[in-house]
Amino acid sequence: MAHDPLSPSEALRTRVGVSLAAVSLFVFVYSLLILGQILFGVWTVLVLTVGPYLSYRVFAALDSLADAAQRIAAAREREVDRDDRFDRPVDREDSGARERRTKRQTERER
C-alpha cells in the first residue's frame, strides 16, 4: 500500500514537527535579538524546517515509485503464469500433426 505523505500543516502537528518548529523559532529570535544577524536566522530556519520536510517528501516519492514498480512486476508475473497455465491448443502443435503434414507434402512432391 502506498504511503500518503503529510502536508506541511500535518507535519507541524507531529512531535518532531513541533520540536523542530520550536527550535527554529528560538534560533531565529536569538539571531535577531542577540546576534543581530537576520541571515543567520533565515538559514537556520530553512535548514531545520524546510530541509527535513523536503527530504521526507523525496523519500515518500521514491517509496511510491518502488511500490509501483513492485506492483507492475507482480502483474507481469501473474500474466506470464496465467499464459503458461492456460496455453491455448490452437497455439500448440503436436508432433503427430507436424509429421502427417510433412508426409503429405513429400507424397505430393513425388
PDB file of N, CA and C in Angstrom:
ATOM      1  N   MET A   1       0.843  -1.165   0.000  1.00  0.00           N
ATOM      2  CA  MET A   1       0.000   0.000   0.000  1.00  0.00           C
ATOM      3  C   MET A   1       0.890   1.230   0.000  1.00  0.00           C
ATOM      4  N   ALA A   2       0.547   2.182  -0.825  1.00  0.00           N
ATOM      5  CA  ALA A   2       1.340   3.400  -0.939  1.00  0.00           C
ATOM      6  C   ALA A   2       1.139   4.280   0.299  1.00  0.00           C
ATOM      7  N   HIS A   3       2.191   4.950   0.648  1.00  0.00           N
ATOM      8  CA  HIS A   3       2.167   5.826   1.817  1.00  0.00           C
ATOM      9  C   HIS A   3       1.722   7.213   1.384  1.00  0.00           C
ATOM     10  N   ASP A   4       0.788   7.800   2.111  1.00  0.00           N
ATOM     11  CA  ASP A   4       0.312   9.152   1.826  1.00  0.00           C
ATOM     12  C   ASP A   4       1.150  10.134   2.634  1.00  0.00           C
ATOM     13  N   PRO A   5       1.997  10.932   1.957  1.00  0.00           N
ATOM     14  CA  PRO A   5       2.866  11.843   2.708  1.00  0.00           C
ATOM     15  C   PRO A   5       2.078  12.961   3.391  1.00  0.00           C
ATOM     16  N   LEU A   6       2.631  13.438   4.467  1.00  0.00           N
ATOM     17  CA  LEU A   6       1.992  14.502   5.238  1.00  0.00           C
ATOM     18  C   LEU A   6       2.127  15.847   4.534  1.00  0.00           C
ATOM     19  N   SER A   7       1.118  16.663   4.692  1.00  0.00           N
ATOM     20  CA  SER A   7       1.206  18.041   4.202  1.00  0.00           C
ATOM     21  C   SER A   7       2.024  18.841   5.216  1.00  0.00           C
ATOM     22  N   PRO A   8       2.469  20.034   4.845  1.00  0.00           N
ATOM     23  CA  PRO A   8       3.246  20.834   5.807  1.00  0.00           C
ATOM     24  C   PRO A   8       2.488  21.109   7.106  1.00  0.00           C
ATOM     25  N   SER A   9       1.176  21.358   7.016  1.00  0.00           N
ATOM     26  CA  SER A   9       0.429  21.629   8.248  1.00  0.00           C
ATOM     27  C   SER A   9       0.296  20.364   9.098  1.00  0.00           C
ATOM     28  N   GLU A  10       0.145  19.208   8.459  1.00  0.00           N
ATOM     29  CA  GLU A  10       0.086  17.951   9.214  1.00  0.00           C
ATOM     30  C   GLU A  10       1.440  17.610   9.824  1.00  0.00           C
ATOM     31  N   ALA A  11       2.513  17.931   9.107  1.00  0.00           N
ATOM     32  CA  ALA A  11       3.862  17.656   9.609  1.00  0.00           C
ATOM     33  C   ALA A  11       4.165  18.492  10.846  1.00  0.00           C
ATOM     34  N   LEU A  12       3.631  19.710  10.905  1.00  0.00           N
ATOM     35  CA  LEU A  12       3.861  20.559  12.080  1.00  0.00           C
ATOM     36  C   LEU A  12       3.102  20.059  13.306  1.00  0.00           C
ATOM     37  N   ARG A  13       2.089  19.235  13.106  1.00  0.00           N
ATOM     38  CA  ARG A  13       1.322  18.708  14.239  1.00  0.00           C
ATOM     39  C   ARG A  13       1.963  17.477  14.874  1.00  0.00           C
ATOM     40  N   THR A  14       2.999  16.936  14.258  1.00  0.00           N
ATOM     41  CA  THR A  14       3.679  15.786  14.843  1.00  0.00           C
ATOM     42  C   THR A  14       4.652  16.258  15.916  1.00  0.00           C
ATOM     43  N   ARG A  15       5.117  15.315  16.714  1.00  0.00           N
ATOM     44  CA  ARG A  15       6.050  15.660  17.796  1.00  0.00           C
ATOM     45  C   ARG A  15       7.362  16.213  17.242  1.00  0.00           C
ATOM     46  N   VAL A  16       7.860  15.596  16.177  1.00  0.00           N
ATOM     47  CA  VAL A  16       9.105  16.063  15.564  1.00  0.00           C
ATOM     48  C   VAL A  16       8.901  17.436  14.938  1.00  0.00           C
ATOM     49  N   GLY A  17       7.763  17.631  14.292  1.00  0.00           N
ATOM     50  CA  GLY A  17       7.478  18.925  13.672  1.00  0.00           C
ATOM     51  C   GLY A  17       7.387  20.044  14.680  1.00  0.00           C
ATOM     52  N   VAL A  18       6.744  19.775  15.802  1.00  0.00           N
ATOM     53  CA  VAL A  18       6.609  20.791  16.847  1.00  0.00           C
ATOM     54  C   VAL A  18       7.972  21.140  17.429  1.00  0.00           C
ATOM     55  N   SER A  19       8.790  20.124  17.686  1.00  0.00           N
ATOM     56  CA  SER A  19      10.106  20.407  18.273  1.00  0.00           C
ATOM     57  C   SER A  19      11.006  21.142  17.283  1.00  0.00           C
ATOM     58  N   LEU A  20      10.982  20.773  15.996  1.00  0.00           N
ATOM     59  CA  LEU A  20      11.788  21.496  15.009  1.00  0.00           C
ATOM     60  C   LEU A  20      11.309  22.935  14.842  1.00  0.00           C
ATOM     61  N   ALA A  21       9.994  23.136  14.871  1.00  0.00           N
ATOM     62  CA  ALA A  21       9.460  24.495  14.760  1.00  0.00           C
ATOM     63  C   ALA A  21       9.855  25.328  15.972  1.00  0.00           C
ATOM     64  N   ALA A  22       9.816  24.733  17.155  1.00  0.00           N
ATOM     65  CA  ALA A  22      10.191  25.473  18.364  1.00  0.00           C
ATOM     66  C   ALA A  22      11.672  25.845  18.343  1.00  0.00           C
ATOM     67  N   VAL A  23      12.528  24.916  17.970  1.00  0.00           N
ATOM     68  CA  VAL A  23      13.968  25.205  17.898  1.00  0.00           C
ATOM     69  C   VAL A  23      14.241  26.255  16.832  1.00  0.00           C
ATOM     70  N   SER A  24      13.565  26.147  15.700  1.00  0.00           N
ATOM     71  CA  SER A  24      13.755  27.126  14.626  1.00  0.00           C
ATOM     72  C   SER A  24      13.332  28.523  15.068  1.00  0.00           C
ATOM     73  N   LEU A  25      12.196  28.594  15.721  1.00  0.00           N
ATOM     74  CA  LEU A  25      11.719  29.887  16.203  1.00  0.00           C
ATOM     75  C   LEU A  25      12.682  30.473  17.230  1.00  0.00           C
ATOM     76  N   PHE A  26      13.169  29.642  18.145  1.00  0.00           N
ATOM     77  CA  PHE A  26      14.123  30.101  19.154  1.00  0.00           C
ATOM     78  C   PHE A  26      15.409  30.624  18.500  1.00  0.00           C
ATOM     79  N   VAL A  27      15.942  29.869  17.539  1.00  0.00           N
ATOM     80  CA  VAL A  27      17.183  30.287  16.880  1.00  0.00           C
ATOM     81  C   VAL A  27      16.961  31.558  16.076  1.00  0.00           C
ATOM     82  N   PHE A  28      15.797  31.678  15.438  1.00  0.00           N
ATOM     83  CA  PHE A  28      15.503  32.880  14.653  1.00  0.00           C
ATOM     84  C   PHE A  28      15.417  34.119  15.554  1.00  0.00           C
ATOM     85  N   VAL A  29      14.706  33.976  16.660  1.00  0.00           N
ATOM     86  CA  VAL A  29      14.594  35.106  17.596  1.00  0.00           C
ATOM     87  C   VAL A  29      15.956  35.424  18.201  1.00  0.00           C
ATOM     88  N   TYR A  30      16.738  34.416  18.549  1.00  0.00           N
ATOM     89  CA  TYR A  30      18.081  34.613  19.089  1.00  0.00           C
ATOM     90  C   TYR A  30      18.968  35.340  18.081  1.00  0.00           C
ATOM     91  N   SER A  31      18.882  34.931  16.809  1.00  0.00           N
ATOM     92  CA  SER A  31      19.734  35.574  15.802  1.00  0.00           C
ATOM     93  C   SER A  31      19.333  37.028  15.579  1.00  0.00           C
ATOM     94  N   LEU A  32      18.058  37.332  15.726  1.00  0.00           N
ATOM     95  CA  LEU A  32      17.621  38.721  15.553  1.00  0.00           C
ATOM     96  C   LEU A  32      17.964  39.585  16.758  1.00  0.00           C
ATOM     97  N   LEU A  33      17.656  39.112  17.956  1.00  0.00           N
ATOM     98  CA  LEU A  33      17.816  39.940  19.162  1.00  0.00           C
ATOM     99  C   LEU A  33      19.241  39.958  19.688  1.00  0.00           C
ATOM    100  N   ILE A  34      19.890  38.835  19.770  1.00  0.00           N
ATOM    101  CA  ILE A  34      21.211  38.759  20.393  1.00  0.00           C
ATOM    102  C   ILE A  34      22.321  39.010  19.370  1.00  0.00           C
ATOM    103  N   LEU A  35      22.284  38.257  18.268  1.00  0.00           N
ATOM    104  CA  LEU A  35      23.366  38.391  17.297  1.00  0.00           C
ATOM    105  C   LEU A  35      23.159  39.553  16.340  1.00  0.00           C
ATOM    106  N   GLY A  36      21.937  39.894  16.062  1.00  0.00           N
ATOM    107  CA  GLY A  36      21.653  40.973  15.126  1.00  0.00           C
ATOM    108  C   GLY A  36      21.903  40.581  13.688  1.00  0.00           C
ATOM    109  N   GLN A  37      21.844  39.285  13.381  1.00  0.00           N
ATOM    110  CA  GLN A  37      22.086  38.799  12.024  1.00  0.00           C
ATOM    111  C   GLN A  37      20.849  38.058  11.527  1.00  0.00           C
ATOM    112  N   ILE A  38      20.095  38.708  10.672  1.00  0.00           N
ATOM    113  CA  ILE A  38      18.860  38.106  10.182  1.00  0.00           C
ATOM    114  C   ILE A  38      19.139  36.935   9.231  1.00  0.00           C
ATOM    115  N   LEU A  39      20.209  37.029   8.461  1.00  0.00           N
ATOM    116  CA  LEU A  39      20.521  35.974   7.504  1.00  0.00           C
ATOM    117  C   LEU A  39      20.820  34.645   8.210  1.00  0.00           C
ATOM    118  N   PHE A  40      21.505  34.714   9.344  1.00  0.00           N
ATOM    119  CA  PHE A  40      21.788  33.502  10.114  1.00  0.00           C
ATOM    120  C   PHE A  40      20.485  32.838  10.561  1.00  0.00           C
ATOM    121  N   GLY A  41      19.533  33.627  11.009  1.00  0.00           N
ATOM    122  CA  GLY A  41      18.250  33.087  11.442  1.00  0.00           C
ATOM    123  C   GLY A  41      17.454  32.488  10.299  1.00  0.00           C
ATOM    124  N   VAL A  42      17.478  33.137   9.144  1.00  0.00           N
ATOM    125  CA  VAL A  42      16.745  32.622   7.980  1.00  0.00           C
ATOM    126  C   VAL A  42      17.332  31.290   7.529  1.00  0.00           C
ATOM    127  N   TRP A  43      18.656  31.226   7.437  1.00  0.00           N
ATOM    128  CA  TRP A  43      19.295  29.973   7.023  1.00  0.00           C
ATOM    129  C   TRP A  43      19.016  28.852   8.027  1.00  0.00           C
ATOM    130  N   THR A  44      19.052  29.153   9.281  1.00  0.00           N
ATOM    131  CA  THR A  44      18.799  28.137  10.302  1.00  0.00           C
ATOM    132  C   THR A  44      17.367  27.626  10.212  1.00  0.00           C
ATOM    133  N   VAL A  45      16.418  28.522  10.026  1.00  0.00           N
ATOM    134  CA  VAL A  45      15.018  28.115   9.885  1.00  0.00           C
ATOM    135  C   VAL A  45      14.840  27.235   8.649  1.00  0.00           C
ATOM    136  N   LEU A  46      15.457  27.624   7.552  1.00  0.00           N
ATOM    137  CA  LEU A  46      15.351  26.819   6.334  1.00  0.00           C
ATOM    138  C   LEU A  46      15.965  25.431   6.518  1.00  0.00           C
ATOM    139  N   VAL A  47      17.119  25.400   7.154  1.00  0.00           N
ATOM    140  CA  VAL A  47      17.795  24.113   7.347  1.00  0.00           C
ATOM    141  C   VAL A  47      17.008  23.215   8.297  1.00  0.00           C
ATOM    142  N   LEU A  48      16.454  23.773   9.355  1.00  0.00           N
ATOM    143  CA  LEU A  48      15.763  22.965  10.360  1.00  0.00           C
ATOM    144  C   LEU A  48      14.323  22.603   9.997  1.00  0.00           C
ATOM    145  N   THR A  49      13.688  23.351   9.125  1.00  0.00           N
ATOM    146  CA  THR A  49      12.286  23.051   8.817  1.00  0.00           C
ATOM    147  C   THR A  49      12.086  22.575   7.383  1.00  0.00           C
ATOM    148  N   VAL A  50      12.530  23.354   6.438  1.00  0.00           N
ATOM    149  CA  VAL A  50      12.290  23.011   5.038  1.00  0.00           C
ATOM    150  C   VAL A  50      13.137  21.815   4.609  1.00  0.00           C
ATOM    151  N   GLY A  51      14.361  21.741   5.073  1.00  0.00           N
ATOM    152  CA  GLY A  51      15.249  20.630   4.704  1.00  0.00           C
ATOM    153  C   GLY A  51      14.692  19.260   5.066  1.00  0.00           C
ATOM    154  N   PRO A  52      14.336  19.044   6.329  1.00  0.00           N
ATOM    155  CA  PRO A  52      13.774  17.731   6.680  1.00  0.00           C
ATOM    156  C   PRO A  52      12.453  17.431   5.966  1.00  0.00           C
ATOM    157  N   TYR A  53      11.627  18.455   5.769  1.00  0.00           N
ATOM    158  CA  TYR A  53      10.347  18.216   5.091  1.00  0.00           C
ATOM    159  C   TYR A  53      10.569  17.812   3.632  1.00  0.00           C
ATOM    160  N   LEU A  54      11.471  18.512   2.955  1.00  0.00           N
ATOM    161  CA  LEU A  54      11.753  18.146   1.563  1.00  0.00           C
ATOM    162  C   LEU A  54      12.386  16.761   1.469  1.00  0.00           C
ATOM    163  N   SER A  55      13.245  16.435   2.413  1.00  0.00           N
ATOM    164  CA  SER A  55      13.829  15.091   2.442  1.00  0.00           C
ATOM    165  C   SER A  55      12.749  14.039   2.639  1.00  0.00           C
ATOM    166  N   TYR A  56      11.804  14.328   3.525  1.00  0.00           N
ATOM    167  CA  TYR A  56      10.690  13.413   3.761  1.00  0.00           C
ATOM    168  C   TYR A  56       9.848  13.227   2.503  1.00  0.00           C
ATOM    169  N   ARG A  57       9.571  14.310   1.786  1.00  0.00           N
ATOM    170  CA  ARG A  57       8.768  14.221   0.564  1.00  0.00           C
ATOM    171  C   ARG A  57       9.492  13.441  -0.527  1.00  0.00           C
ATOM    172  N   VAL A  58      10.796  13.638  -0.667  1.00  0.00           N
ATOM    173  CA  VAL A  58      11.577  12.889  -1.657  1.00  0.00           C
ATOM    174  C   VAL A  58      11.556  11.410  -1.307  1.00  0.00           C
ATOM    175  N   PHE A  59      11.730  11.081  -0.029  1.00  0.00           N
ATOM    176  CA  PHE A  59      11.677   9.688   0.395  1.00  0.00           C
ATOM    177  C   PHE A  59      10.299   9.080   0.111  1.00  0.00           C
ATOM    178  N   ALA A  60       9.234   9.823   0.358  1.00  0.00           N
ATOM    179  CA  ALA A  60       7.881   9.331   0.090  1.00  0.00           C
ATOM    180  C   ALA A  60       7.669   9.108  -1.402  1.00  0.00           C
ATOM    181  N   ALA A  61       8.203   9.998  -2.238  1.00  0.00           N
ATOM    182  CA  ALA A  61       8.071   9.831  -3.690  1.00  0.00           C
ATOM    183  C   ALA A  61       8.835   8.602  -4.169  1.00  0.00           C
ATOM    184  N   LEU A  62      10.040   8.405  -3.654  1.00  0.00           N
ATOM    185  CA  LEU A  62      10.821   7.224  -4.025  1.00  0.00           C
ATOM    186  C   LEU A  62      10.142   5.939  -3.546  1.00  0.00           C
ATOM    187  N   ASP A  63       9.536   5.985  -2.377  1.00  0.00           N
ATOM    188  CA  ASP A  63       8.797   4.841  -1.862  1.00  0.00           C
ATOM    189  C   ASP A  63       7.610   4.512  -2.763  1.00  0.00           C
ATOM    190  N   SER A  64       6.924   5.531  -3.237  1.00  0.00           N
ATOM    191  CA  SER A  64       5.789   5.324  -4.147  1.00  0.00           C
ATOM    192  C   SER A  64       6.258   4.723  -5.470  1.00  0.00           C
ATOM    193  N   LEU A  65       7.396   5.199  -5.975  1.00  0.00           N
ATOM    194  CA  LEU A  65       7.929   4.645  -7.219  1.00  0.00           C
ATOM    195  C   LEU A  65       8.320   3.180  -7.054  1.00  0.00           C
ATOM    196  N   ALA A  66       8.950   2.853  -5.945  1.00  0.00           N
ATOM    197  CA  ALA A  66       9.324   1.467  -5.698  1.00  0.00           C
ATOM    198  C   ALA A  66       8.092   0.581  -5.555  1.00  0.00           C
ATOM    199  N   ASP A  67       7.068   1.070  -4.893  1.00  0.00           N
ATOM    200  CA  ASP A  67       5.830   0.319  -4.738  1.00  0.00           C
ATOM    201  C   ASP A  67       5.172   0.085  -6.092  1.00  0.00           C
ATOM    202  N   ALA A  68       5.156   1.105  -6.948  1.00  0.00           N
ATOM    203  CA  ALA A  68       4.565   0.960  -8.280  1.00  0.00           C
ATOM    204  C   ALA A  68       5.350  -0.041  -9.116  1.00  0.00           C
ATOM    205  N   ALA A  69       6.672  -0.014  -9.035  1.00  0.00           N
ATOM    206  CA  ALA A  69       7.493  -0.967  -9.784  1.00  0.00           C
ATOM    207  C   ALA A  69       7.233  -2.396  -9.313  1.00  0.00           C
ATOM    208  N   GLN A  70       7.063  -2.587  -8.011  1.00  0.00           N
ATOM    209  CA  GLN A  70       6.751  -3.918  -7.495  1.00  0.00           C
ATOM    210  C   GLN A  70       5.384  -4.400  -7.958  1.00  0.00           C
ATOM    211  N   ARG A  71       4.407  -3.489  -7.996  1.00  0.00           N
ATOM    212  CA  ARG A  71       3.073  -3.876  -8.465  1.00  0.00           C
ATOM    213  C   ARG A  71       3.095  -4.236  -9.948  1.00  0.00           C
ATOM    214  N   ILE A  72       3.863  -3.492 -10.751  1.00  0.00           N
ATOM    215  CA  ILE A  72       3.974  -3.802 -12.177  1.00  0.00           C
ATOM    216  C   ILE A  72       4.642  -5.153 -12.372  1.00  0.00           C
ATOM    217  N   ALA A  73       5.709  -5.415 -11.628  1.00  0.00           N
ATOM    218  CA  ALA A  73       6.405  -6.697 -11.741  1.00  0.00           C
ATOM    219  C   ALA A  73       5.493  -7.849 -11.327  1.00  0.00           C
ATOM    220  N   ALA A  74       4.718  -7.679 -10.265  1.00  0.00           N
ATOM    221  CA  ALA A  74       3.805  -8.730  -9.829  1.00  0.00           C
ATOM    222  C   ALA A  74       2.714  -8.972 -10.873  1.00  0.00           C
ATOM    223  N   ALA A  75       2.220  -7.910 -11.488  1.00  0.00           N
ATOM    224  CA  ALA A  75       1.192  -8.071 -12.523  1.00  0.00           C
ATOM    225  C   ALA A  75       1.758  -8.801 -13.732  1.00  0.00           C
ATOM    226  N   ARG A  76       2.978  -8.487 -14.119  1.00  0.00           N
ATOM    227  CA  ARG A  76       3.603  -9.188 -15.255  1.00  0.00           C
ATOM    228  C   ARG A  76       3.841 -10.661 -14.926  1.00  0.00           C
ATOM    229  N   GLU A  77       4.250 -10.954 -13.697  1.00  0.00           N
ATOM    230  CA  GLU A  77       4.444 -12.354 -13.309  1.00  0.00           C
ATOM    231  C   GLU A  77       3.129 -13.112 -13.350  1.00  0.00           C
ATOM    232  N   ARG A  78       2.057 -12.490 -12.855  1.00  0.00           N
ATOM    233  CA  ARG A  78       0.745 -13.146 -12.923  1.00  0.00           C
ATOM    234  C   ARG A  78       0.322 -13.370 -14.360  1.00  0.00           C
ATOM    235  N   GLU A  79       0.617 -12.420 -15.238  1.00  0.00           N
ATOM    236  CA  GLU A  79       0.271 -12.544 -16.641  1.00  0.00           C
ATOM    237  C   GLU A  79       1.019 -13.707 -17.282  1.00  0.00           C
ATOM    238  N   VAL A  80       2.306 -13.819 -16.994  1.00  0.00           N
ATOM    239  CA  VAL A  80       3.109 -14.900 -17.555  1.00  0.00           C
ATOM    240  C   VAL A  80       2.639 -16.243 -17.015  1.00  0.00           C
ATOM    241  N   ASP A  81       2.357 -16.316 -15.712  1.00  0.00           N
ATOM    242  CA  ASP A  81       1.879 -17.567 -15.126  1.00  0.00           C
ATOM    243  C   ASP A  81       0.541 -17.976 -15.720  1.00  0.00           C
ATOM    244  N   ARG A  82      -0.342 -17.011 -15.929  1.00  0.00           N
ATOM    245  CA  ARG A  82      -1.652 -17.316 -16.495  1.00  0.00           C
ATOM    246  C   ARG A  82      -1.507 -17.814 -17.927  1.00  0.00           C
ATOM    247  N   ASP A  83      -0.615 -17.206 -18.704  1.00  0.00           N
ATOM    248  CA  ASP A  83      -0.412 -17.632 -20.080  1.00  0.00           C
ATOM    249  C   ASP A  83       0.209 -19.024 -20.140  1.00  0.00           C
ATOM    250  N   ASP A  84       1.094 -19.345 -19.210  1.00  0.00           N
ATOM    251  CA  ASP A  84       1.710 -20.668 -19.190  1.00  0.00           C
ATOM    252  C   ASP A  84       0.710 -21.741 -18.777  1.00  0.00           C
ATOM    253  N   ARG A  85      -0.142 -21.428 -17.822  1.00  0.00           N
ATOM    254  CA  ARG A  85      -1.107 -22.406 -17.334  1.00  0.00           C
ATOM    255  C   ARG A  85      -2.211 -22.675 -18.338  1.00  0.00           C
ATOM    256  N   PHE A  86      -2.693 -21.645 -18.962  1.00  0.00           N
ATOM    257  CA  PHE A  86      -3.831 -21.771 -19.858  1.00  0.00           C
ATOM    258  C   PHE A  86      -3.393 -21.587 -21.308  1.00  0.00           C
ATOM    259  N   ASP A  87      -2.445 -22.393 -21.709  1.00  0.00           N
ATOM    260  CA  ASP A  87      -1.962 -22.330 -23.075  1.00  0.00           C
ATOM    261  C   ASP A  87      -3.054 -22.850 -24.004  1.00  0.00           C
ATOM    262  N   ARG A  88      -3.366 -22.100 -25.030  1.00  0.00           N
ATOM    263  CA  ARG A  88      -4.449 -22.496 -25.913  1.00  0.00           C
ATOM    264  C   ARG A  88      -3.992 -23.614 -26.835  1.00  0.00           C
ATOM    265  N   PRO A  89      -4.859 -24.590 -27.123  1.00  0.00           N
ATOM    266  CA  PRO A  89      -4.478 -25.679 -28.018  1.00  0.00           C
ATOM    267  C   PRO A  89      -4.201 -25.182 -29.434  1.00  0.00           C
ATOM    268  N   VAL A  90      -4.762 -24.066 -29.806  1.00  0.00           N
ATOM    269  CA  VAL A  90      -4.529 -23.521 -31.135  1.00  0.00           C
ATOM    270  C   VAL A  90      -3.066 -23.130 -31.295  1.00  0.00           C
ATOM    271  N   ASP A  91      -2.483 -22.632 -30.222  1.00  0.00           N
ATOM    272  CA  ASP A  91      -1.088 -22.208 -30.282  1.00  0.00           C
ATOM    273  C   ASP A  91      -0.121 -23.387 -30.300  1.00  0.00           C
ATOM    274  N   ARG A  92      -0.556 -24.506 -29.733  1.00  0.00           N
ATOM    275  CA  ARG A  92       0.311 -25.683 -29.682  1.00  0.00           C
ATOM    276  C   ARG A  92       0.113 -26.528 -30.930  1.00  0.00           C
ATOM    277  N   GLU A  93       1.169 -27.150 -31.334  1.00  0.00           N
ATOM    278  CA  GLU A  93       1.086 -28.053 -32.472  1.00  0.00           C
ATOM    279  C   GLU A  93       1.776 -29.347 -32.057  1.00  0.00           C
ATOM    280  N   ASP A  94       1.018 -30.438 -32.024  1.00  0.00           N
ATOM    281  CA  ASP A  94       1.631 -31.679 -31.567  1.00  0.00           C
ATOM    282  C   ASP A  94       2.505 -32.257 -32.671  1.00  0.00           C
ATOM    283  N   SER A  95       3.426 -33.081 -32.285  1.00  0.00           N
ATOM    284  CA  SER A  95       4.408 -33.608 -33.231  1.00  0.00           C
ATOM    285  C   SER A  95       3.756 -34.524 -34.262  1.00  0.00           C
ATOM    286  N   GLY A  96       2.669 -35.234 -33.904  1.00  0.00           N
ATOM    287  CA  GLY A  96       1.985 -36.124 -34.848  1.00  0.00           C
ATOM    288  C   GLY A  96       1.405 -35.358 -36.018  1.00  0.00           C
ATOM    289  N   ALA A  97       0.788 -34.225 -35.775  1.00  0.00           N
ATOM    290  CA  ALA A  97       0.220 -33.418 -36.848  1.00  0.00           C
ATOM    291  C   ALA A  97       1.327 -32.870 -37.743  1.00  0.00           C
ATOM    292  N   ARG A  98       2.426 -32.507 -37.157  1.00  0.00           N
ATOM    293  CA  ARG A  98       3.554 -31.990 -37.928  1.00  0.00           C
ATOM    294  C   ARG A  98       4.103 -33.083 -38.849  1.00  0.00           C
ATOM    295  N   GLU A  99       4.216 -34.300 -38.309  1.00  0.00           N
ATOM    296  CA  GLU A  99       4.728 -35.414 -39.126  1.00  0.00           C
ATOM    297  C   GLU A  99       3.776 -35.733 -40.260  1.00  0.00           C
ATOM    298  N   ARG A 100       2.449 -35.747 -40.004  1.00  0.00           N
ATOM    299  CA  ARG A 100       1.470 -36.040 -41.051  1.00  0.00           C
ATOM    300  C   ARG A 100       1.540 -34.995 -42.158  1.00  0.00           C
ATOM    301  N   ARG A 101       1.718 -33.753 -41.784  1.00  0.00           N
ATOM    302  CA  ARG A 101       1.793 -32.697 -42.781  1.00  0.00           C
ATOM    303  C   ARG A 101       3.034 -32.856 -43.641  1.00  0.00           C
ATOM    304  N   THR A 102       4.168 -33.173 -43.026  1.00  0.00           N
ATOM    305  CA  THR A 102       5.395 -33.340 -43.809  1.00  0.00           C
ATOM    306  C   THR A 102       5.294 -34.562 -44.714  1.00  0.00           C
ATOM    307  N   LYS A 103       4.607 -35.628 -44.256  1.00  0.00           N
ATOM    308  CA  LYS A 103       4.426 -36.821 -45.111  1.00  0.00           C
ATOM    309  C   LYS A 103       3.563 -36.479 -46.309  1.00  0.00           C
ATOM    310  N   ARG A 104       2.497 -35.708 -46.095  1.00  0.00           N
ATOM    311  CA  ARG A 104       1.618 -35.318 -47.210  1.00  0.00           C
ATOM    312  C   ARG A 104       2.382 -34.448 -48.212  1.00  0.00           C
ATOM    313  N   GLN A 105       3.224 -33.567 -47.711  1.00  0.00           N
ATOM    314  CA  GLN A 105       3.985 -32.713 -48.619  1.00  0.00           C
ATOM    315  C   GLN A 105       4.963 -33.524 -49.436  1.00  0.00           C
ATOM    316  N   THR A 106       5.623 -34.505 -48.823  1.00  0.00           N
ATOM    317  CA  THR A 106       6.576 -35.343 -49.569  1.00  0.00           C
ATOM    318  C   THR A 106       5.847 -36.211 -50.562  1.00  0.00           C
ATOM    319  N   GLU A 107       4.614 -36.694 -50.227  1.00  0.00           N
ATOM    320  CA  GLU A 107       3.867 -37.523 -51.175  1.00  0.00           C
ATOM    321  C   GLU A 107       3.434 -36.692 -52.371  1.00  0.00           C
ATOM    322  N   ARG A 108       3.084 -35.441 -52.177  1.00  0.00           N
ATOM    323  CA  ARG A 108       2.669 -34.578 -53.279  1.00  0.00           C
ATOM    324  C   ARG A 108       3.858 -34.257 -54.190  1.00  0.00           C
ATOM    325  N   GLU A 109       5.001 -34.154 -53.620  1.00  0.00           N
ATOM    326  CA  GLU A 109       6.196 -33.834 -54.407  1.00  0.00           C
ATOM    327  C   GLU A 109       6.577 -34.991 -55.311  1.00  0.00           C
ATOM    328  N   ARG A 110       6.222 -36.214 -54.984  1.00  0.00           N
ATOM    329  CA  ARG A 110       6.601 -37.387 -55.788  1.00  0.00           C
ATOM    330  C   ARG A 110       5.770 -37.409 -56.985  1.00  0.00           C
TER     331      ARG A 110
END
